[in-house]
Amino acid sequence: MRRSLWLVAALLAAATAARAQESRQAHMEGCLIWSASGAVAVRNECSRTIVLQFMNADDQQTVTADLPPGGRFTSDAQWGQTLGFMFTACPVGYRPNVRFAVENKEAIGLSLYYCVGGRPNS
């Protein structure tokens, strides 16, 4: 009986680990084409909808937008006039593994994140 309980526990642990691995995805920054002048804007060039999180350094307000294939996001920031910005790009149903916040701007800015199951801010 004890042996079968250990076996069940081991199988459940393996299934949980497999599920956790399945819910990890690479970020999708390579799908984004940014505008070169005027308003800071981006277009999704991939065949899959992505969730964009964007923060302008000027006001530090987070905007989250779903971008379908070909979809665009335009911010209030202007190239050459903003202090900068940061963003993440994950498949729909995923969020960055680091909290989208100013204290993580270095990791986010260097693309040192991956996407895990869940909506942004979940």
PDB file of N, CA and C in Angstrom:
ATOM      1  N   MET A   1       0.828  -1.201   0.000  1.00  0.00           N
ATOM      2  CA  MET A   1       0.000   0.000   0.000  1.00  0.00           C
ATOM      3  C   MET A   1       0.869   1.261   0.000  1.00  0.00           C
ATOM      4  N   ARG A   2       1.884   1.278   0.878  1.00  0.00           N
ATOM      5  CA  ARG A   2       2.762   2.440   0.944  1.00  0.00           C
ATOM      6  C   ARG A   2       3.483   2.662  -0.371  1.00  0.00           C
ATOM      7  N   ARG A   3       3.898   1.573  -0.956  1.00  0.00           N
ATOM      8  CA  ARG A   3       4.622   1.673  -2.219  1.00  0.00           C
ATOM      9  C   ARG A   3       3.740   2.288  -3.301  1.00  0.00           C
ATOM     10  N   SER A   4       2.479   1.902  -3.351  1.00  0.00           N
ATOM     11  CA  SER A   4       1.579   2.462  -4.364  1.00  0.00           C
ATOM     12  C   SER A   4       1.285   3.937  -4.080  1.00  0.00           C
ATOM     13  N   LEU A   5       1.267   4.363  -2.823  1.00  0.00           N
ATOM     14  CA  LEU A   5       1.092   5.777  -2.512  1.00  0.00           C
ATOM     15  C   LEU A   5       2.289   6.581  -2.999  1.00  0.00           C
ATOM     16  N   TRP A   6       3.482   6.045  -2.805  1.00  0.00           N
ATOM     17  CA  TRP A   6       4.681   6.730  -3.299  1.00  0.00           C
ATOM     18  C   TRP A   6       4.665   6.817  -4.815  1.00  0.00           C
ATOM     19  N   LEU A   7       4.224   5.761  -5.461  1.00  0.00           N
ATOM     20  CA  LEU A   7       4.137   5.751  -6.918  1.00  0.00           C
ATOM     21  C   LEU A   7       3.148   6.804  -7.410  1.00  0.00           C
ATOM     22  N   VAL A   8       2.002   6.889  -6.778  1.00  0.00           N
ATOM     23  CA  VAL A   8       1.001   7.893  -7.146  1.00  0.00           C
ATOM     24  C   VAL A   8       1.561   9.298  -6.924  1.00  0.00           C
ATOM     25  N   ALA A   9       2.225   9.511  -5.795  1.00  0.00           N
ATOM     26  CA  ALA A   9       2.809  10.820  -5.507  1.00  0.00           C
ATOM     27  C   ALA A   9       3.865  11.182  -6.546  1.00  0.00           C
ATOM     28  N   ALA A  10       4.696  10.225  -6.923  1.00  0.00           N
ATOM     29  CA  ALA A  10       5.732  10.474  -7.931  1.00  0.00           C
ATOM     30  C   ALA A  10       5.108  10.791  -9.285  1.00  0.00           C
ATOM     31  N   LEU A  11       4.067  10.088  -9.665  1.00  0.00           N
ATOM     32  CA  LEU A  11       3.392  10.349 -10.938  1.00  0.00           C
ATOM     33  C   LEU A  11       2.738  11.731 -10.941  1.00  0.00           C
ATOM     34  N   LEU A  12       2.125  12.111  -9.834  1.00  0.00           N
ATOM     35  CA  LEU A  12       1.522  13.444  -9.742  1.00  0.00           C
ATOM     36  C   LEU A  12       2.587  14.531  -9.827  1.00  0.00           C
ATOM     37  N   ALA A  13       3.711  14.324  -9.168  1.00  0.00           N
ATOM     38  CA  ALA A  13       4.792  15.310  -9.232  1.00  0.00           C
ATOM     39  C   ALA A  13       5.327  15.428 -10.649  1.00  0.00           C
ATOM     40  N   ALA A  14       5.486  14.314 -11.334  1.00  0.00           N
ATOM     41  CA  ALA A  14       5.981  14.337 -12.719  1.00  0.00           C
ATOM     42  C   ALA A  14       4.978  15.036 -13.630  1.00  0.00           C
ATOM     43  N   ALA A  15       3.707  14.774 -13.434  1.00  0.00           N
ATOM     44  CA  ALA A  15       2.673  15.412 -14.263  1.00  0.00           C
ATOM     45  C   ALA A  15       2.648  16.915 -14.016  1.00  0.00           C
ATOM     46  N   THR A  16       2.798  17.331 -12.765  1.00  0.00           N
ATOM     47  CA  THR A  16       2.823  18.754 -12.437  1.00  0.00           C
ATOM     48  C   THR A  16       4.029  19.427 -13.070  1.00  0.00           C
ATOM     49  N   ALA A  17       5.183  18.786 -13.001  1.00  0.00           N
ATOM     50  CA  ALA A  17       6.394  19.349 -13.609  1.00  0.00           C
ATOM     51  C   ALA A  17       6.236  19.458 -15.120  1.00  0.00           C
ATOM     52  N   ALA A  18       5.657  18.455 -15.743  1.00  0.00           N
ATOM     53  CA  ALA A  18       5.448  18.487 -17.197  1.00  0.00           C
ATOM     54  C   ALA A  18       4.493  19.616 -17.575  1.00  0.00           C
ATOM     55  N   ARG A  19       3.433  19.796 -16.785  1.00  0.00           N
ATOM     56  CA  ARG A  19       2.474  20.857 -17.054  1.00  0.00           C
ATOM     57  C   ARG A  19       3.140  22.232 -16.913  1.00  0.00           C
ATOM     58  N   ALA A  20       3.998  22.376 -15.899  1.00  0.00           N
ATOM     59  CA  ALA A  20       4.692  23.644 -15.689  1.00  0.00           C
ATOM     60  C   ALA A  20       5.612  23.952 -16.869  1.00  0.00           C
ATOM     61  N   GLN A  21       6.270  22.939 -17.411  1.00  0.00           N
ATOM     62  CA  GLN A  21       7.144  23.157 -18.555  1.00  0.00           C
ATOM     63  C   GLN A  21       6.328  23.533 -19.791  1.00  0.00           C
ATOM     64  N   GLU A  22       5.170  22.937 -19.956  1.00  0.00           N
ATOM     65  CA  GLU A  22       4.335  23.232 -21.115  1.00  0.00           C
ATOM     66  C   GLU A  22       3.849  24.676 -21.102  1.00  0.00           C
ATOM     67  N   SER A  23       3.709  25.279 -19.915  1.00  0.00           N
ATOM     68  CA  SER A  23       3.144  26.618 -19.836  1.00  0.00           C
ATOM     69  C   SER A  23       4.208  27.708 -19.954  1.00  0.00           C
ATOM     70  N   ARG A  24       5.408  27.363 -20.386  1.00  0.00           N
ATOM     71  CA  ARG A  24       6.500  28.331 -20.562  1.00  0.00           C
ATOM     72  C   ARG A  24       6.740  28.541 -22.055  1.00  0.00           C
ATOM     73  N   GLN A  25       6.749  29.802 -22.478  1.00  0.00           N
ATOM     74  CA  GLN A  25       6.944  30.139 -23.888  1.00  0.00           C
ATOM     75  C   GLN A  25       8.007  31.228 -24.009  1.00  0.00           C
ATOM     76  N   ALA A  26       8.675  31.273 -25.130  1.00  0.00           N
ATOM     77  CA  ALA A  26       9.614  32.362 -25.410  1.00  0.00           C
ATOM     78  C   ALA A  26       8.828  33.651 -25.649  1.00  0.00           C
ATOM     79  N   HIS A  27       9.454  34.788 -25.346  1.00  0.00           N
ATOM     80  CA  HIS A  27       8.786  36.056 -25.652  1.00  0.00           C
ATOM     81  C   HIS A  27       8.702  36.210 -27.171  1.00  0.00           C
ATOM     82  N   MET A  28       7.884  37.143 -27.617  1.00  0.00           N
ATOM     83  CA  MET A  28       7.617  37.306 -29.043  1.00  0.00           C
ATOM     84  C   MET A  28       8.051  38.674 -29.552  1.00  0.00           C
ATOM     85  N   GLU A  29       9.122  39.216 -28.977  1.00  0.00           N
ATOM     86  CA  GLU A  29       9.604  40.527 -29.396  1.00  0.00           C
ATOM     87  C   GLU A  29       9.999  40.563 -30.866  1.00  0.00           C
ATOM     88  N   GLY A  30      10.442  39.436 -31.397  1.00  0.00           N
ATOM     89  CA  GLY A  30      10.835  39.382 -32.806  1.00  0.00           C
ATOM     90  C   GLY A  30       9.676  39.604 -33.764  1.00  0.00           C
ATOM     91  N   CYS A  31       8.459  39.553 -33.265  1.00  0.00           N
ATOM     92  CA  CYS A  31       7.268  39.780 -34.089  1.00  0.00           C
ATOM     93  C   CYS A  31       6.969  41.253 -34.295  1.00  0.00           C
ATOM     94  N   LEU A  32       7.630  42.109 -33.546  1.00  0.00           N
ATOM     95  CA  LEU A  32       7.257  43.520 -33.518  1.00  0.00           C
ATOM     96  C   LEU A  32       8.113  44.371 -34.444  1.00  0.00           C
ATOM     97  N   ILE A  33       7.450  45.215 -35.214  1.00  0.00           N
ATOM     98  CA  ILE A  33       8.099  46.198 -36.078  1.00  0.00           C
ATOM     99  C   ILE A  33       7.720  47.570 -35.527  1.00  0.00           C
ATOM    100  N   TRP A  34       8.748  48.338 -35.122  1.00  0.00           N
ATOM    101  CA  TRP A  34       8.519  49.643 -34.499  1.00  0.00           C
ATOM    102  C   TRP A  34       8.570  50.765 -35.521  1.00  0.00           C
ATOM    103  N   SER A  35       7.791  51.811 -35.286  1.00  0.00           N
ATOM    104  CA  SER A  35       7.839  52.997 -36.140  1.00  0.00           C
ATOM    105  C   SER A  35       9.204  53.659 -35.975  1.00  0.00           C
ATOM    106  N   ALA A  36       9.607  54.450 -36.949  1.00  0.00           N
ATOM    107  CA  ALA A  36      10.927  55.092 -36.912  1.00  0.00           C
ATOM    108  C   ALA A  36      10.862  56.561 -36.527  1.00  0.00           C
ATOM    109  N   SER A  37       9.690  57.156 -36.600  1.00  0.00           N
ATOM    110  CA  SER A  37       9.559  58.577 -36.267  1.00  0.00           C
ATOM    111  C   SER A  37       8.120  58.860 -35.854  1.00  0.00           C
ATOM    112  N   GLY A  38       7.910  60.058 -35.326  1.00  0.00           N
ATOM    113  CA  GLY A  38       6.565  60.429 -34.875  1.00  0.00           C
ATOM    114  C   GLY A  38       6.219  59.721 -33.579  1.00  0.00           C
ATOM    115  N   ALA A  39       4.984  59.274 -33.472  1.00  0.00           N
ATOM    116  CA  ALA A  39       4.545  58.566 -32.276  1.00  0.00           C
ATOM    117  C   ALA A  39       5.242  57.213 -32.193  1.00  0.00           C
ATOM    118  N   VAL A  40       5.561  56.791 -30.964  1.00  0.00           N
ATOM    119  CA  VAL A  40       6.124  55.451 -30.747  1.00  0.00           C
ATOM    120  C   VAL A  40       4.986  54.468 -31.004  1.00  0.00           C
ATOM    121  N   ALA A  41       5.134  53.672 -32.048  1.00  0.00           N
ATOM    122  CA  ALA A  41       4.085  52.735 -32.458  1.00  0.00           C
ATOM    123  C   ALA A  41       4.721  51.422 -32.873  1.00  0.00           C
ATOM    124  N   VAL A  42       3.933  50.360 -32.821  1.00  0.00           N
ATOM    125  CA  VAL A  42       4.435  49.022 -33.140  1.00  0.00           C
ATOM    126  C   VAL A  42       3.350  48.224 -33.851  1.00  0.00           C
ATOM    127  N   ARG A  43       3.786  47.305 -34.726  1.00  0.00           N
ATOM    128  CA  ARG A  43       2.865  46.432 -35.474  1.00  0.00           C
ATOM    129  C   ARG A  43       3.291  44.983 -35.248  1.00  0.00           C
ATOM    130  N   ASN A  44       2.316  44.090 -35.068  1.00  0.00           N
ATOM    131  CA  ASN A  44       2.567  42.660 -34.909  1.00  0.00           C
ATOM    132  C   ASN A  44       2.680  42.021 -36.287  1.00  0.00           C
ATOM    133  N   GLU A  45       3.849  41.507 -36.609  1.00  0.00           N
ATOM    134  CA  GLU A  45       4.093  40.879 -37.907  1.00  0.00           C
ATOM    135  C   GLU A  45       3.983  39.359 -37.873  1.00  0.00           C
ATOM    136  N   CYS A  46       3.638  38.788 -36.728  1.00  0.00           N
ATOM    137  CA  CYS A  46       3.523  37.329 -36.628  1.00  0.00           C
ATOM    138  C   CYS A  46       2.099  36.868 -36.914  1.00  0.00           C
ATOM    139  N   SER A  47       1.932  35.583 -37.067  1.00  0.00           N
ATOM    140  CA  SER A  47       0.624  35.013 -37.394  1.00  0.00           C
ATOM    141  C   SER A  47      -0.189  34.686 -36.149  1.00  0.00           C
ATOM    142  N   ARG A  48       0.274  35.121 -35.013  1.00  0.00           N
ATOM    143  CA  ARG A  48      -0.348  34.806 -33.735  1.00  0.00           C
ATOM    144  C   ARG A  48      -0.587  36.097 -32.948  1.00  0.00           C
ATOM    145  N   THR A  49      -1.692  36.170 -32.237  1.00  0.00           N
ATOM    146  CA  THR A  49      -1.976  37.335 -31.404  1.00  0.00           C
ATOM    147  C   THR A  49      -1.006  37.374 -30.232  1.00  0.00           C
ATOM    148  N   ILE A  50      -0.518  38.566 -29.925  1.00  0.00           N
ATOM    149  CA  ILE A  50       0.375  38.734 -28.785  1.00  0.00           C
ATOM    150  C   ILE A  50      -0.207  39.742 -27.812  1.00  0.00           C
ATOM    151  N   VAL A  51       0.237  39.654 -26.560  1.00  0.00           N
ATOM    152  CA  VAL A  51      -0.127  40.617 -25.531  1.00  0.00           C
ATOM    153  C   VAL A  51       1.078  41.526 -25.322  1.00  0.00           C
ATOM    154  N   LEU A  52       0.895  42.796 -25.599  1.00  0.00           N
ATOM    155  CA  LEU A  52       1.941  43.795 -25.427  1.00  0.00           C
ATOM    156  C   LEU A  52       1.700  44.529 -24.117  1.00  0.00           C
ATOM    157  N   GLN A  53       2.737  44.635 -23.296  1.00  0.00           N
ATOM    158  CA  GLN A  53       2.704  45.516 -22.136  1.00  0.00           C
ATOM    159  C   GLN A  53       3.695  46.622 -22.446  1.00  0.00           C
ATOM    160  N   PHE A  54       3.268  47.863 -22.256  1.00  0.00           N
ATOM    161  CA  PHE A  54       4.065  49.021 -22.630  1.00  0.00           C
ATOM    162  C   PHE A  54       4.041  50.036 -21.498  1.00  0.00           C
ATOM    163  N   MET A  55       5.212  50.618 -21.199  1.00  0.00           N
ATOM    164  CA  MET A  55       5.290  51.679 -20.207  1.00  0.00           C
ATOM    165  C   MET A  55       6.198  52.782 -20.721  1.00  0.00           C
ATOM    166  N   ASN A  56       5.644  53.986 -20.830  1.00  0.00           N
ATOM    167  CA  ASN A  56       6.403  55.178 -21.177  1.00  0.00           C
ATOM    168  C   ASN A  56       7.098  55.648 -19.903  1.00  0.00           C
ATOM    169  N   ALA A  57       8.401  55.893 -19.964  1.00  0.00           N
ATOM    170  CA  ALA A  57       9.142  56.329 -18.776  1.00  0.00           C
ATOM    171  C   ALA A  57       8.671  57.686 -18.272  1.00  0.00           C
ATOM    172  N   ASP A  58       8.064  58.489 -19.133  1.00  0.00           N
ATOM    173  CA  ASP A  58       7.615  59.826 -18.730  1.00  0.00           C
ATOM    174  C   ASP A  58       6.516  59.766 -17.670  1.00  0.00           C
ATOM    175  N   ASP A  59       5.517  58.909 -17.877  1.00  0.00           N
ATOM    176  CA  ASP A  59       4.400  58.852 -16.926  1.00  0.00           C
ATOM    177  C   ASP A  59       4.335  57.542 -16.144  1.00  0.00           C
ATOM    178  N   GLN A  60       5.086  56.560 -16.540  1.00  0.00           N
ATOM    179  CA  GLN A  60       5.175  55.250 -15.883  1.00  0.00           C
ATOM    180  C   GLN A  60       3.827  54.555 -15.720  1.00  0.00           C
ATOM    181  N   GLN A  61       2.932  54.789 -16.674  1.00  0.00           N
ATOM    182  CA  GLN A  61       1.639  54.107 -16.690  1.00  0.00           C
ATOM    183  C   GLN A  61       1.747  52.887 -17.607  1.00  0.00           C
ATOM    184  N   THR A  62       1.270  51.761 -17.140  1.00  0.00           N
ATOM    185  CA  THR A  62       1.298  50.532 -17.932  1.00  0.00           C
ATOM    186  C   THR A  62       0.057  50.436 -18.806  1.00  0.00           C
ATOM    187  N   VAL A  63       0.273  50.120 -20.066  1.00  0.00           N
ATOM    188  CA  VAL A  63      -0.817  49.868 -21.006  1.00  0.00           C
ATOM    189  C   VAL A  63      -0.650  48.431 -21.486  1.00  0.00           C
ATOM    190  N   THR A  64      -1.729  47.676 -21.472  1.00  0.00           N
ATOM    191  CA  THR A  64      -1.721  46.303 -21.966  1.00  0.00           C
ATOM    192  C   THR A  64      -2.670  46.230 -23.159  1.00  0.00           C
ATOM    193  N   ALA A  65      -2.174  45.658 -24.246  1.00  0.00           N
ATOM    194  CA  ALA A  65      -2.993  45.576 -25.460  1.00  0.00           C
ATOM    195  C   ALA A  65      -2.784  44.227 -26.139  1.00  0.00           C
ATOM    196  N   ASP A  66      -3.868  43.630 -26.596  1.00  0.00           N
ATOM    197  CA  ASP A  66      -3.783  42.435 -27.434  1.00  0.00           C
ATOM    198  C   ASP A  66      -3.609  42.898 -28.876  1.00  0.00           C
ATOM    199  N   LEU A  67      -2.566  42.387 -29.534  1.00  0.00           N
ATOM    200  CA  LEU A  67      -2.304  42.748 -30.929  1.00  0.00           C
ATOM    201  C   LEU A  67      -2.489  41.518 -31.803  1.00  0.00           C
ATOM    202  N   PRO A  68      -3.572  41.473 -32.583  1.00  0.00           N
ATOM    203  CA  PRO A  68      -3.747  40.360 -33.510  1.00  0.00           C
ATOM    204  C   PRO A  68      -2.725  40.480 -34.636  1.00  0.00           C
ATOM    205  N   PRO A  69      -2.585  39.462 -35.458  1.00  0.00           N
ATOM    206  CA  PRO A  69      -1.670  39.573 -36.605  1.00  0.00           C
ATOM    207  C   PRO A  69      -1.984  40.831 -37.413  1.00  0.00           C
ATOM    208  N   GLY A  70      -0.968  41.641 -37.658  1.00  0.00           N
ATOM    209  CA  GLY A  70      -1.151  42.899 -38.378  1.00  0.00           C
ATOM    210  C   GLY A  70      -1.643  44.043 -37.515  1.00  0.00           C
ATOM    211  N   GLY A  71      -1.985  43.752 -36.254  1.00  0.00           N
ATOM    212  CA  GLY A  71      -2.508  44.776 -35.356  1.00  0.00           C
ATOM    213  C   GLY A  71      -1.441  45.767 -34.935  1.00  0.00           C
ATOM    214  N   ARG A  72      -1.897  46.986 -34.624  1.00  0.00           N
ATOM    215  CA  ARG A  72      -0.987  48.078 -34.251  1.00  0.00           C
ATOM    216  C   ARG A  72      -1.313  48.605 -32.856  1.00  0.00           C
ATOM    217  N   PHE A  73      -0.273  49.121 -32.213  1.00  0.00           N
ATOM    218  CA  PHE A  73      -0.412  49.856 -30.963  1.00  0.00           C
ATOM    219  C   PHE A  73       0.337  51.161 -31.142  1.00  0.00           C
ATOM    220  N   THR A  74      -0.298  52.270 -30.803  1.00  0.00           N
ATOM    221  CA  THR A  74       0.334  53.585 -30.879  1.00  0.00           C
ATOM    222  C   THR A  74       0.250  54.227 -29.502  1.00  0.00           C
ATOM    223  N   SER A  75       1.401  54.659 -28.991  1.00  0.00           N
ATOM    224  CA  SER A  75       1.439  55.292 -27.673  1.00  0.00           C
ATOM    225  C   SER A  75       1.342  56.805 -27.812  1.00  0.00           C
ATOM    226  N   ASP A  76       1.245  57.484 -26.691  1.00  0.00           N
ATOM    227  CA  ASP A  76       1.259  58.944 -26.675  1.00  0.00           C
ATOM    228  C   ASP A  76       2.676  59.497 -26.780  1.00  0.00           C
ATOM    229  N   ALA A  77       3.674  58.633 -26.569  1.00  0.00           N
ATOM    230  CA  ALA A  77       5.081  59.060 -26.601  1.00  0.00           C
ATOM    231  C   ALA A  77       5.510  59.380 -28.031  1.00  0.00           C
ATOM    232  N   GLN A  78       6.431  60.317 -28.150  1.00  0.00           N
ATOM    233  CA  GLN A  78       6.987  60.707 -29.451  1.00  0.00           C
ATOM    234  C   GLN A  78       8.478  60.372 -29.465  1.00  0.00           C
ATOM    235  N   TRP A  79       8.940  59.793 -30.563  1.00  0.00           N
ATOM    236  CA  TRP A  79      10.364  59.506 -30.705  1.00  0.00           C
ATOM    237  C   TRP A  79      11.147  60.810 -30.533  1.00  0.00           C
ATOM    238  N   GLY A  80      12.219  60.763 -29.759  1.00  0.00           N
ATOM    239  CA  GLY A  80      13.066  61.932 -29.538  1.00  0.00           C
ATOM    240  C   GLY A  80      12.569  62.870 -28.458  1.00  0.00           C
ATOM    241  N   GLN A  81      11.356  62.651 -27.959  1.00  0.00           N
ATOM    242  CA  GLN A  81      10.804  63.526 -26.931  1.00  0.00           C
ATOM    243  C   GLN A  81      10.519  62.789 -25.627  1.00  0.00           C
ATOM    244  N   THR A  82      10.548  61.476 -25.643  1.00  0.00           N
ATOM    245  CA  THR A  82      10.270  60.692 -24.441  1.00  0.00           C
ATOM    246  C   THR A  82      11.582  60.321 -23.754  1.00  0.00           C
ATOM    247  N   LEU A  83      11.513  60.086 -22.461  1.00  0.00           N
ATOM    248  CA  LEU A  83      12.686  59.628 -21.713  1.00  0.00           C
ATOM    249  C   LEU A  83      13.016  58.175 -22.037  1.00  0.00           C
ATOM    250  N   GLY A  84      12.110  57.511 -22.697  1.00  0.00           N
ATOM    251  CA  GLY A  84      12.288  56.101 -23.048  1.00  0.00           C
ATOM    252  C   GLY A  84      11.040  55.312 -22.720  1.00  0.00           C
ATOM    253  N   PHE A  85      11.100  54.013 -22.955  1.00  0.00           N
ATOM    254  CA  PHE A  85       9.966  53.145 -22.665  1.00  0.00           C
ATOM    255  C   PHE A  85      10.477  51.723 -22.496  1.00  0.00           C
ATOM    256  N   MET A  86       9.618  50.868 -21.968  1.00  0.00           N
ATOM    257  CA  MET A  86       9.914  49.440 -21.906  1.00  0.00           C
ATOM    258  C   MET A  86       8.666  48.686 -22.318  1.00  0.00           C
ATOM    259  N   PHE A  87       8.859  47.443 -22.751  1.00  0.00           N
ATOM    260  CA  PHE A  87       7.725  46.648 -23.209  1.00  0.00           C
ATOM    261  C   PHE A  87       8.038  45.171 -23.066  1.00  0.00           C
ATOM    262  N   THR A  88       6.991  44.370 -23.032  1.00  0.00           N
ATOM    263  CA  THR A  88       7.106  42.917 -23.142  1.00  0.00           C
ATOM    264  C   THR A  88       6.113  42.460 -24.201  1.00  0.00           C
ATOM    265  N   ALA A  89       6.386  41.299 -24.767  1.00  0.00           N
ATOM    266  CA  ALA A  89       5.507  40.721 -25.787  1.00  0.00           C
ATOM    267  C   ALA A  89       5.409  39.217 -25.532  1.00  0.00           C
ATOM    268  N   CYS A  90       4.217  38.766 -25.194  1.00  0.00           N
ATOM    269  CA  CYS A  90       3.983  37.348 -24.909  1.00  0.00           C
ATOM    270  C   CYS A  90       2.774  36.859 -25.718  1.00  0.00           C
ATOM    271  N   PRO A  91       2.715  35.547 -25.966  1.00  0.00           N
ATOM    272  CA  PRO A  91       1.510  35.017 -26.612  1.00  0.00           C
ATOM    273  C   PRO A  91       0.286  35.242 -25.723  1.00  0.00           C
ATOM    274  N   VAL A  92      -0.883  35.309 -26.315  1.00  0.00           N
ATOM    275  CA  VAL A  92      -2.122  35.434 -25.546  1.00  0.00           C
ATOM    276  C   VAL A  92      -2.198  34.262 -24.574  1.00  0.00           C
ATOM    277  N   GLY A  93      -2.593  34.559 -23.341  1.00  0.00           N
ATOM    278  CA  GLY A  93      -2.680  33.533 -22.308  1.00  0.00           C
ATOM    279  C   GLY A  93      -1.400  33.399 -21.504  1.00  0.00           C
ATOM    280  N   TYR A  94      -0.411  34.229 -21.814  1.00  0.00           N
ATOM    281  CA  TYR A  94       0.877  34.198 -21.116  1.00  0.00           C
ATOM    282  C   TYR A  94       1.233  35.593 -20.642  1.00  0.00           C
ATOM    283  N   ARG A  95       2.151  35.643 -19.668  1.00  0.00           N
ATOM    284  CA  ARG A  95       2.639  36.903 -19.112  1.00  0.00           C
ATOM    285  C   ARG A  95       4.136  36.764 -18.877  1.00  0.00           C
ATOM    286  N   PRO A  96       4.843  37.879 -18.725  1.00  0.00           N
ATOM    287  CA  PRO A  96       6.279  37.785 -18.436  1.00  0.00           C
ATOM    288  C   PRO A  96       6.514  37.107 -17.082  1.00  0.00           C
ATOM    289  N   ASN A  97       7.627  36.388 -16.970  1.00  0.00           N
ATOM    290  CA  ASN A  97       7.934  35.738 -15.693  1.00  0.00           C
ATOM    291  C   ASN A  97       8.440  36.736 -14.650  1.00  0.00           C
ATOM    292  N   VAL A  98       8.764  37.948 -15.058  1.00  0.00           N
ATOM    293  CA  VAL A  98       9.118  39.011 -14.111  1.00  0.00           C
ATOM    294  C   VAL A  98       7.983  40.027 -14.094  1.00  0.00           C
ATOM    295  N   ARG A  99       7.755  40.614 -12.933  1.00  0.00           N
ATOM    296  CA  ARG A  99       6.678  41.609 -12.816  1.00  0.00           C
ATOM    297  C   ARG A  99       7.000  42.800 -13.704  1.00  0.00           C
ATOM    298  N   PHE A 100       6.002  43.254 -14.450  1.00  0.00           N
ATOM    299  CA  PHE A 100       6.183  44.408 -15.333  1.00  0.00           C
ATOM    300  C   PHE A 100       6.150  45.665 -14.483  1.00  0.00           C
ATOM    301  N   ALA A 101       7.339  46.094 -14.056  1.00  0.00           N
ATOM    302  CA  ALA A 101       7.456  47.237 -13.162  1.00  0.00           C
ATOM    303  C   ALA A 101       8.813  47.897 -13.371  1.00  0.00           C
ATOM    304  N   VAL A 102       8.917  49.166 -12.999  1.00  0.00           N
ATOM    305  CA  VAL A 102      10.135  49.949 -13.199  1.00  0.00           C
ATOM    306  C   VAL A 102      11.351  49.242 -12.596  1.00  0.00           C
ATOM    307  N   GLU A 103      11.180  48.605 -11.428  1.00  0.00           N
ATOM    308  CA  GLU A 103      12.330  47.943 -10.803  1.00  0.00           C
ATOM    309  C   GLU A 103      12.884  46.784 -11.633  1.00  0.00           C
ATOM    310  N   ASN A 104      12.127  46.317 -12.624  1.00  0.00           N
ATOM    311  CA  ASN A 104      12.602  45.247 -13.511  1.00  0.00           C
ATOM    312  C   ASN A 104      12.963  45.760 -14.903  1.00  0.00           C
ATOM    313  N   LYS A 105      13.129  47.073 -15.050  1.00  0.00           N
ATOM    314  CA  LYS A 105      13.369  47.646 -16.379  1.00  0.00           C
ATOM    315  C   LYS A 105      14.652  47.133 -17.026  1.00  0.00           C
ATOM    316  N   GLU A 106      15.672  46.832 -16.233  1.00  0.00           N
ATOM    317  CA  GLU A 106      16.909  46.340 -16.833  1.00  0.00           C
ATOM    318  C   GLU A 106      16.706  44.953 -17.443  1.00  0.00           C
ATOM    319  N   ALA A 107      16.119  44.041 -16.693  1.00  0.00           N
ATOM    320  CA  ALA A 107      15.868  42.696 -17.206  1.00  0.00           C
ATOM    321  C   ALA A 107      14.927  42.738 -18.409  1.00  0.00           C
ATOM    322  N   ILE A 108      13.881  43.552 -18.324  1.00  0.00           N
ATOM    323  CA  ILE A 108      12.928  43.665 -19.426  1.00  0.00           C
ATOM    324  C   ILE A 108      13.588  44.318 -20.630  1.00  0.00           C
ATOM    325  N   GLY A 109      14.344  45.385 -20.402  1.00  0.00           N
ATOM    326  CA  GLY A 109      15.014  46.092 -21.492  1.00  0.00           C
ATOM    327  C   GLY A 109      16.038  45.243 -22.223  1.00  0.00           C
ATOM    328  N   LEU A 110      16.639  44.281 -21.508  1.00  0.00           N
ATOM    329  CA  LEU A 110      17.614  43.371 -22.119  1.00  0.00           C
ATOM    330  C   LEU A 110      16.959  42.085 -22.625  1.00  0.00           C
ATOM    331  N   SER A 111      15.629  42.030 -22.577  1.00  0.00           N
ATOM    332  CA  SER A 111      14.848  40.861 -23.023  1.00  0.00           C
ATOM    333  C   SER A 111      15.172  39.605 -22.222  1.00  0.00           C
ATOM    334  N   LEU A 112      15.491  39.768 -20.941  1.00  0.00           N
ATOM    335  CA  LEU A 112      15.838  38.644 -20.079  1.00  0.00           C
ATOM    336  C   LEU A 112      14.603  38.135 -19.339  1.00  0.00           C
ATOM    337  N   TYR A 113      13.591  37.842 -20.091  1.00  0.00           N
ATOM    338  CA  TYR A 113      12.367  37.283 -19.528  1.00  0.00           C
ATOM    339  C   TYR A 113      11.836  36.245 -20.497  1.00  0.00           C
ATOM    340  N   TYR A 114      10.958  35.399 -19.986  1.00  0.00           N
ATOM    341  CA  TYR A 114      10.214  34.467 -20.827  1.00  0.00           C
ATOM    342  C   TYR A 114       8.757  34.555 -20.393  1.00  0.00           C
ATOM    343  N   CYS A 115       7.896  33.886 -21.072  1.00  0.00           N
ATOM    344  CA  CYS A 115       6.459  33.992 -20.822  1.00  0.00           C
ATOM    345  C   CYS A 115       5.934  32.728 -20.149  1.00  0.00           C
ATOM    346  N   VAL A 116       5.103  32.936 -19.139  1.00  0.00           N
ATOM    347  CA  VAL A 116       4.510  31.837 -18.387  1.00  0.00           C
ATOM    348  C   VAL A 116       2.990  31.954 -18.447  1.00  0.00           C
ATOM    349  N   GLY A 117       2.321  30.840 -18.212  1.00  0.00           N
ATOM    350  CA  GLY A 117       0.865  30.815 -18.281  1.00  0.00           C
ATOM    351  C   GLY A 117       0.216  31.843 -17.374  1.00  0.00           C
ATOM    352  N   GLY A 118      -0.794  32.537 -17.873  1.00  0.00           N
ATOM    353  CA  GLY A 118      -1.532  33.541 -17.091  1.00  0.00           C
ATOM    354  C   GLY A 118      -1.584  34.861 -17.836  1.00  0.00           C
ATOM    355  N   ARG A 119      -2.587  35.635 -17.547  1.00  0.00           N
ATOM    356  CA  ARG A 119      -2.708  36.973 -18.139  1.00  0.00           C
ATOM    357  C   ARG A 119      -1.771  37.938 -17.426  1.00  0.00           C
ATOM    358  N   PRO A 120      -1.363  39.043 -18.068  1.00  0.00           N
ATOM    359  CA  PRO A 120      -0.549  40.045 -17.374  1.00  0.00           C
ATOM    360  C   PRO A 120      -1.201  40.486 -16.067  1.00  0.00           C
ATOM    361  N   ASN A 121      -0.357  40.703 -15.077  1.00  0.00           N
ATOM    362  CA  ASN A 121      -0.774  41.142 -13.751  1.00  0.00           C
ATOM    363  C   ASN A 121      -1.574  40.086 -13.004  1.00  0.00           C
ATOM    364  N   SER A 122      -1.475  38.813 -13.452  1.00  0.00           N
ATOM    365  CA  SER A 122      -2.179  37.751 -12.718  1.00  0.00           C
ATOM    366  C   SER A 122      -1.264  37.078 -11.732  1.00  0.00           C
TER     367      SER A 122
END
